[in-house]
């Protein structure tokens, strides 16, 4: 009955099939002439631009895709349109993310998510893609997501759609369309509050004018009223009745959510010519049908006949560029179901060929989804066994679970490896009890091989940890260490990694964890296993930090961070950056720590990963504490604690952050509050049962007790912390604990005990760089540090470090440096040559992308109190149709923000304006303010003349001659008039002091603005004559007379002739 899969894998497929691209789902339908224009809906879509989101929801047959295709072509001069048509494979969150990424990148090749195992991984992946695409596009991006109803099958996909909507970059627009919308609170809220455009079935239904338009195009005798009554405006029903394919009673019965299925069966499939039915079934398998695929599948003549038949029924497919098309999703589902039920062998062969094409193209996830949907259970099992380990490393548990749960029990029972993979997936899906049951079944199966047993043990290990069964998890880890199985290089490397992770987080055997991670990295490098190699390097860097090898940790973690960036990012990047910051901190490079940890904080926020952000904030607090910025540290610790309490519960972070808050309060002198929070941190650590956190909190409690004078209790706590740190071989933390113990003995006046503790510290300080990490402790008690250094008890590196410090400054809180302005200064010049510089960097014409974007910026400069969108549109786009003005405005607003910076323009109370918190310098403002200052000074004074000269320094020519709008002309006339007035005043001032050369120079500048200015021309001739230059004056009058006559068609006023006579007769001047 089925396909011989082993034979099938050996088939050499036609080149076009191996190239058969998933790109069809990203293709925008070709523009086509519709019988009914949807201008009213296009206008509403244009009007919705600027909200960031438009939603279209209606049953099948309402023309959603056709409308969006028209809209995509209608707006492509203002927006870079990206398109994705979702299908059943998109229900899996990781596949949905990959489809979105490919669409956002403009159908450019994209890597799948490197890892989706951590919360926020998919958000990090998409966030990086969004930013990359926005940076690369000169136009703002409009993303159209069609067939979004498929996302309802998996809440994770709906959550990802919600994240996308809530985190859409400024200026980007999203349109989501489907028979139903994803289950997503964010969408529901936007609809309820009217914050987005929503078009429903009642909006998409034909109105009477559109029905009349359809009747006229068809030449039918139907009346619009009767046709509306018969169809309710259902577009497919209207067109069907006009084509005479069914009666009005049938149409009325089909205006329900299930109507289109019946319509397809009776009115589409029924009339298909017999010779085309087989061809139509064959092309229903791929998501997009290319001409090459069609010709190779059904032959040249069959392809031509099918193409002609489909072209006359455009509502059944979406024509794409070239000779490709995309079948209506419901039609494709209908045909595939028909194919499967009526010709199962042919269907199996066709889907098998498609699966093989996906595999050859490297599209494993598409192959798995096709095999799942087609019911190829044996092949599906093969694919999961072959690729399951790598998909687990990527964290593709939703995809694996969706596939595995469709495989019948009898197939699973015959495949222990598949059963072992299933146990791991169950554990990662949060079903630990079921995972334990199935893992135990595999381990009890004598037929289970090495790979199956490793997967089962790893699944069992995770399940036990989820259930809090620490001792059993450690026992399983011991069993895993004894496994001697041929599990393959990739699985062996993964086994090493998980055992190391157990040693790191549960047993706290740090040396063994380091050996295992080093071996795992070697095996990953040999087998080319990603992203496990990066996970292992990241974990190794974290471990090296804990063990006190800060320089080594910095090197390893820097490499790991760069690796995560190359792979397209994941939440792991934020985790690695946090550990890198801590490594810098341990190495005493506090400034680098702050820089890296700030990046980690922003990465956590950008990915929507509150836990990562909280860890970074707590680490930033530690860095600020190390720099002596205690109040800043206190505030950041409090923020990290708030996130743990409200957004991302984490006992480890909570205990460390509360202990850090205690340290900040202690440094600020509030011993009582420090004691309260230290005890609270210790309680949380005891509850969590983590050795490292318990040691850290005991050390902080000892510090508080020492300051409070409770030296016996302090020594007990500090010695307890030392024992725990020694057990873990956490050398850096051990050194800090010994220093605190020495300080405690010093305060208790037990100098010999203090010296002994310092000798232990000295033994740990094997490298000079280690001393730098003690600087925050030196600040706590500078005199003790000086005492220790004077006796060389803590080593030479400590003494040298202390010599470089100012003891008078060590004891006090260090003022945090003033942060630079939040936004870069913007300097705009428009009197003469137009230019804009941001932070000293000139903005090029390429950066503006359009003259209108630059003009919009200067419009905002000229209206500091703000401009309503409608006002800006009227001033900037008088030539555009009203419906396109909105999208043009938002497109150019995006370009403006991209050229300057995103926050340069804000919206307040419906008005757009330049950010009031930012700095904008404009020469027009400076020019007019300087003129006003000059006009306040006494007339005829030297001070006023100097002020006019200073004001005119700003005027280097007419305002922005490249802008032709009326608002720009108005400013041009105003500023030119002001300049002329100032020059005229100056000319009079100089002439009154017999400096006729200077006076002539002033009126020449007036004439440069308007060569026919009568008053300036007359004065120039007078001043030249008075300056003893009658020939020059006469020559000017003659040239002026010619220019005047040419321009005005008449002679200059009579006074010019009289002036010429006087100058020629020597009577002027």
Foldseek 3Di string as FASTA:
>chain_A
DFDPLVVLLPDDDPPCLLVVDPCVQWFQFDDDDDLFDPVVVLLLVLVQPPLQEAEEAAFPQLCPSVVVSVNCVVQVVLAPETEGEDDLLCLQQQVVLVRVLCRLQVNDDADGQQADLDPLFSLLLNLLSQVVSLLVDLFAYEYEYEAQVSNQVHVSNQVVVLSCSVQPDALYHYYYYHNDHHPHVSVVVCVVVVSGHYHYSLNSFDDLVRLVSSCVSLVDPDHSVVLCVLAVRSNVSSNCVSVVQDDSVLNVVLNDNCSVVVCCVPVPVVPDPPVLLVLVLLQLQRQKDDPVNSCVPPNDVSSVVVLVVCVVVVSQWRHGPDRMIGGDNVNSVSSLVVCCVPPVHVSSVSLSSSLSSCVSNVNLLVSLVSCQVSVVQVVNLVSCLVCVLQCVSNVSLSSLVSSLVSRDPVVCVVDLQNLLSVLQSCLSVVNLVVSLVSLVVSVPDPVRALQSNLSSLVSNLSSCVSVVVLVVSVVSLVVLVPRDGPNDLSSVLVNLQVSLVCCVWRVLQLVSSLVSLVVSLVSCVVVVRPPSNLVSLLVNLLSCLQLLVLVVSLVSLVVSLVVCVVSSHGLVNLVSLLSNLSSCLQLLNLVVSLVSLVVSLVSCVSSVNLLSNLSSLQSNLVSLLLVLQLVSSLVSLVVSCVCCVPPNPDLLSNLSSLLSNLVSCVLVPNLVSSLVSLVVSCVSCVVVVTLLSNLSSLLSNLLSCLVVVVLVSSLVSLVVSLVSSVSSSRLLVNLVSLQSNLVSCVSVVNNVSSLVSLQVSLVSCPDLSSLSSCLSVCLCPVVVLVVCLVVCSNHDSSVVVNVVDDSVPSPHRDDDDDDPQPFFAWEFAFQPDTWIATNNHTQDPVLQVDVLLVVVVVVQVVVQVFDALVRSLVQRPVPDDVSNSSSNSSRSPSSNCSRHNVQQWDADPRTIHGDPSHHYHYLLVVLVVLLVVLVVDDQLDPSSLVSLVVSCVSRPHFGHPVDDTPVSVVSRVVVLVSLLVSLCSNLVSCVVVVNLVSSLVSLVVNCVRPVLPPVSLVSNLLSCLSVVNLVVSLVSLVVSQVVCCVVVVDGPDPVSVVSNVCSVVVNGD
